[in-house]
Amino acid sequence: MNASSKPDLSKVSESFRKGLQTRREVLGDAYVDQSVNNATEYNFPMQELVTEYCWDTIWNRPGLDRRARSILNLGMIAALGRKDELKLHVRGALRNGITKEELREIFMQITIYCGVPAGIDSFRTAQEVMREFDD
């Protein structure tokens, strides 16, 4: 296997296609295009796993809307201290209708339950994303 060769996208599953659509709607085309287009034959199985299971099997389940899923993700990702993923999901939360005021309250809650460092990082990260949205 050549680590830099491109995967054959014509052979993806229906679950991948549905997950990719959801992923685009939440995260935006630019991010998804970059992730998929930069995938190689070596790391494409990770793209398939995330797209099929995260973005189709979970995000497309009934029972919670995208807004609720965004709120859950923000809390979990902040608790894990994953700044890059948090940026991505702040963008997704804004696309899913969460307001800046609601983000503030979510991060206040995170501060109390996950700790001050997680809360401070969450506010900093969210402000970076909000500046991009305001431009």
C-alpha atoms as a PDB file:
ATOM      1  CA  MET A   1       0.000   0.000   0.000  1.00  0.00           C
ATOM      2  CA  ASN A   2       1.341   3.394  -0.980  1.00  0.00           C
ATOM      3  CA  ALA A   3       0.745   5.871   1.862  1.00  0.00           C
ATOM      4  CA  SER A   4       0.290   8.744  -0.576  1.00  0.00           C
ATOM      5  CA  SER A   5      -1.921   7.156  -3.240  1.00  0.00           C
ATOM      6  CA  LYS A   6      -5.534   8.371  -3.413  1.00  0.00           C
ATOM      7  CA  PRO A   7      -8.448   6.131  -2.418  1.00  0.00           C
ATOM      8  CA  ASP A   8     -11.073   5.045  -4.954  1.00  0.00           C
ATOM      9  CA  LEU A   9     -14.147   7.085  -3.957  1.00  0.00           C
ATOM     10  CA  SER A  10     -16.358   5.302  -6.469  1.00  0.00           C
ATOM     11  CA  LYS A  11     -16.506   2.293  -4.140  1.00  0.00           C
ATOM     12  CA  VAL A  12     -17.830   3.965  -0.968  1.00  0.00           C
ATOM     13  CA  SER A  13     -20.925   2.652   0.796  1.00  0.00           C
ATOM     14  CA  GLU A  14     -24.368   4.219   0.906  1.00  0.00           C
ATOM     15  CA  SER A  15     -23.767   4.889   4.607  1.00  0.00           C
ATOM     16  CA  PHE A  16     -20.633   6.842   3.664  1.00  0.00           C
ATOM     17  CA  ARG A  17     -22.601   8.894   1.124  1.00  0.00           C
ATOM     18  CA  LYS A  18     -25.354   9.725   3.635  1.00  0.00           C
ATOM     19  CA  GLY A  19     -22.821  10.481   6.364  1.00  0.00           C
ATOM     20  CA  LEU A  20     -20.840  12.696   4.012  1.00  0.00           C
ATOM     21  CA  GLN A  21     -23.977  14.729   3.287  1.00  0.00           C
ATOM     22  CA  THR A  22     -24.653  15.201   7.016  1.00  0.00           C
ATOM     23  CA  ARG A  23     -21.010  16.040   7.643  1.00  0.00           C
ATOM     24  CA  ARG A  24     -21.163  18.706   4.922  1.00  0.00           C
ATOM     25  CA  GLU A  25     -24.361  20.201   6.344  1.00  0.00           C
ATOM     26  CA  VAL A  26     -22.889  20.472   9.840  1.00  0.00           C
ATOM     27  CA  LEU A  27     -19.220  21.249   9.175  1.00  0.00           C
ATOM     28  CA  GLY A  28     -19.350  22.903   5.763  1.00  0.00           C
ATOM     29  CA  ASP A  29     -18.103  21.876   2.352  1.00  0.00           C
ATOM     30  CA  ALA A  30     -14.642  23.433   2.670  1.00  0.00           C
ATOM     31  CA  TYR A  31     -13.657  21.382   5.721  1.00  0.00           C
ATOM     32  CA  VAL A  32     -15.142  18.145   4.402  1.00  0.00           C
ATOM     33  CA  ASP A  33     -13.593  18.600   0.957  1.00  0.00           C
ATOM     34  CA  GLN A  34     -10.197  19.168   2.543  1.00  0.00           C
ATOM     35  CA  SER A  35     -10.511  16.075   4.740  1.00  0.00           C
ATOM     36  CA  VAL A  36     -11.657  13.794   1.937  1.00  0.00           C
ATOM     37  CA  ASN A  37      -9.403  15.238  -0.772  1.00  0.00           C
ATOM     38  CA  ASN A  38      -6.333  15.001   1.464  1.00  0.00           C
ATOM     39  CA  ALA A  39      -7.060  11.390   2.365  1.00  0.00           C
ATOM     40  CA  THR A  40      -4.690   8.755   1.079  1.00  0.00           C
ATOM     41  CA  GLU A  41      -5.218   5.073   0.496  1.00  0.00           C
ATOM     42  CA  TYR A  42      -3.508   4.555   3.873  1.00  0.00           C
ATOM     43  CA  ASN A  43      -5.668   6.850   6.025  1.00  0.00           C
ATOM     44  CA  PHE A  44      -8.938   6.711   4.069  1.00  0.00           C
ATOM     45  CA  PRO A  45     -10.271   3.850   6.239  1.00  0.00           C
ATOM     46  CA  MET A  46     -10.359   6.380   9.106  1.00  0.00           C
ATOM     47  CA  GLN A  47     -12.392   8.777   6.929  1.00  0.00           C
ATOM     48  CA  GLU A  48     -14.781   5.919   6.155  1.00  0.00           C
ATOM     49  CA  LEU A  49     -15.117   4.962   9.820  1.00  0.00           C
ATOM     50  CA  VAL A  50     -15.816   8.506  10.985  1.00  0.00           C
ATOM     51  CA  THR A  51     -18.140   9.324   8.096  1.00  0.00           C
ATOM     52  CA  GLU A  52     -20.169   6.106   8.267  1.00  0.00           C
ATOM     53  CA  TYR A  53     -20.439   5.629  12.019  1.00  0.00           C
ATOM     54  CA  CYS A  54     -20.196   9.137  13.403  1.00  0.00           C
ATOM     55  CA  TRP A  55     -21.931  11.136  10.682  1.00  0.00           C
ATOM     56  CA  ASP A  56     -24.463   8.582   9.437  1.00  0.00           C
ATOM     57  CA  THR A  57     -25.121   5.991  12.139  1.00  0.00           C
ATOM     58  CA  ILE A  58     -25.092   8.474  15.046  1.00  0.00           C
ATOM     59  CA  TRP A  59     -25.837  11.957  13.656  1.00  0.00           C
ATOM     60  CA  ASN A  60     -28.704  10.659  11.514  1.00  0.00           C
ATOM     61  CA  ARG A  61     -30.388   8.691  14.299  1.00  0.00           C
ATOM     62  CA  PRO A  62     -33.822   9.818  15.426  1.00  0.00           C
ATOM     63  CA  GLY A  63     -34.232  10.978  19.012  1.00  0.00           C
ATOM     64  CA  LEU A  64     -31.940  14.009  19.109  1.00  0.00           C
ATOM     65  CA  ASP A  65     -31.795  16.866  16.676  1.00  0.00           C
ATOM     66  CA  ARG A  66     -28.519  18.289  15.372  1.00  0.00           C
ATOM     67  CA  ARG A  67     -28.673  21.176  17.824  1.00  0.00           C
ATOM     68  CA  ALA A  68     -28.757  18.790  20.799  1.00  0.00           C
ATOM     69  CA  ARG A  69     -25.981  16.670  19.311  1.00  0.00           C
ATOM     70  CA  SER A  70     -23.860  19.803  18.879  1.00  0.00           C
ATOM     71  CA  ILE A  71     -24.339  20.754  22.524  1.00  0.00           C
ATOM     72  CA  LEU A  72     -23.326  17.271  23.642  1.00  0.00           C
ATOM     73  CA  ASN A  73     -20.266  17.286  21.402  1.00  0.00           C
ATOM     74  CA  LEU A  74     -19.124  20.670  22.697  1.00  0.00           C
ATOM     75  CA  GLY A  75     -19.210  19.394  26.266  1.00  0.00           C
ATOM     76  CA  MET A  76     -17.428  16.142  25.536  1.00  0.00           C
ATOM     77  CA  ILE A  77     -14.779  17.638  23.280  1.00  0.00           C
ATOM     78  CA  ALA A  78     -14.070  20.465  25.729  1.00  0.00           C
ATOM     79  CA  ALA A  79     -13.732  17.933  28.557  1.00  0.00           C
ATOM     80  CA  LEU A  80     -11.224  15.999  26.464  1.00  0.00           C
ATOM     81  CA  GLY A  81      -9.238  19.178  25.759  1.00  0.00           C
ATOM     82  CA  ARG A  82      -9.312  18.738  21.970  1.00  0.00           C
ATOM     83  CA  LYS A  83      -8.954  22.332  20.770  1.00  0.00           C
ATOM     84  CA  ASP A  84      -8.915  21.638  17.013  1.00  0.00           C
ATOM     85  CA  GLU A  85     -12.005  19.443  17.227  1.00  0.00           C
ATOM     86  CA  LEU A  86     -13.670  22.031  19.468  1.00  0.00           C
ATOM     87  CA  LYS A  87     -13.112  24.724  16.816  1.00  0.00           C
ATOM     88  CA  LEU A  88     -14.680  22.475  14.240  1.00  0.00           C
ATOM     89  CA  HIS A  89     -17.694  21.746  16.417  1.00  0.00           C
ATOM     90  CA  VAL A  90     -18.168  25.393  17.439  1.00  0.00           C
ATOM     91  CA  ARG A  91     -18.543  26.093  13.709  1.00  0.00           C
ATOM     92  CA  GLY A  92     -20.946  23.184  13.459  1.00  0.00           C
ATOM     93  CA  ALA A  93     -22.932  24.400  16.465  1.00  0.00           C
ATOM     94  CA  LEU A  94     -23.309  27.845  14.917  1.00  0.00           C
ATOM     95  CA  ARG A  95     -24.455  26.198  11.664  1.00  0.00           C
ATOM     96  CA  ASN A  96     -26.917  24.121  13.720  1.00  0.00           C
ATOM     97  CA  GLY A  97     -28.546  27.255  15.146  1.00  0.00           C
ATOM     98  CA  ILE A  98     -26.800  27.621  18.491  1.00  0.00           C
ATOM     99  CA  THR A  99     -26.375  31.315  19.293  1.00  0.00           C
ATOM    100  CA  LYS A 100     -23.259  32.987  20.633  1.00  0.00           C
ATOM    101  CA  GLU A 101     -25.113  33.610  23.883  1.00  0.00           C
ATOM    102  CA  GLU A 102     -25.965  29.919  24.142  1.00  0.00           C
ATOM    103  CA  LEU A 103     -22.335  29.030  23.435  1.00  0.00           C
ATOM    104  CA  ARG A 104     -21.344  31.279  26.330  1.00  0.00           C
ATOM    105  CA  GLU A 105     -23.727  29.417  28.643  1.00  0.00           C
ATOM    106  CA  ILE A 106     -22.529  26.039  27.400  1.00  0.00           C
ATOM    107  CA  PHE A 107     -18.933  27.031  28.132  1.00  0.00           C
ATOM    108  CA  MET A 108     -19.875  28.373  31.570  1.00  0.00           C
ATOM    109  CA  GLN A 109     -21.399  24.966  32.318  1.00  0.00           C
ATOM    110  CA  ILE A 110     -18.277  23.253  30.994  1.00  0.00           C
ATOM    111  CA  THR A 111     -16.131  25.423  33.264  1.00  0.00           C
ATOM    112  CA  ILE A 112     -17.966  24.237  36.365  1.00  0.00           C
ATOM    113  CA  TYR A 113     -18.211  20.562  35.470  1.00  0.00           C
ATOM    114  CA  CYS A 114     -14.952  20.055  33.550  1.00  0.00           C
ATOM    115  CA  GLY A 115     -12.716  22.594  35.245  1.00  0.00           C
ATOM    116  CA  VAL A 116     -11.507  26.128  34.747  1.00  0.00           C
ATOM    117  CA  PRO A 117      -8.747  25.249  32.221  1.00  0.00           C
ATOM    118  CA  ALA A 118     -11.277  23.478  29.978  1.00  0.00           C
ATOM    119  CA  GLY A 119     -13.657  26.422  30.264  1.00  0.00           C
ATOM    120  CA  ILE A 120     -11.024  29.045  29.518  1.00  0.00           C
ATOM    121  CA  ASP A 121      -9.748  27.094  26.504  1.00  0.00           C
ATOM    122  CA  SER A 122     -13.331  26.680  25.291  1.00  0.00           C
ATOM    123  CA  PHE A 123     -13.991  30.421  25.459  1.00  0.00           C
ATOM    124  CA  ARG A 124     -10.721  31.206  23.657  1.00  0.00           C
ATOM    125  CA  THR A 125     -11.417  28.663  20.955  1.00  0.00           C
ATOM    126  CA  ALA A 126     -15.002  29.812  20.458  1.00  0.00           C
ATOM    127  CA  GLN A 127     -13.921  33.444  20.165  1.00  0.00           C
ATOM    128  CA  GLU A 128     -11.469  32.529  17.384  1.00  0.00           C
ATOM    129  CA  VAL A 129     -14.267  30.847  15.456  1.00  0.00           C
ATOM    130  CA  MET A 130     -16.752  33.648  16.104  1.00  0.00           C
ATOM    131  CA  ARG A 131     -14.305  36.204  14.705  1.00  0.00           C
ATOM    132  CA  GLU A 132     -14.145  34.118  11.513  1.00  0.00           C
ATOM    133  CA  PHE A 133     -17.960  33.999  11.359  1.00  0.00           C
ATOM    134  CA  ASP A 134     -18.220  37.764  11.849  1.00  0.00           C
ATOM    135  CA  ASP A 135     -15.829  38.568   8.988  1.00  0.00           C
END
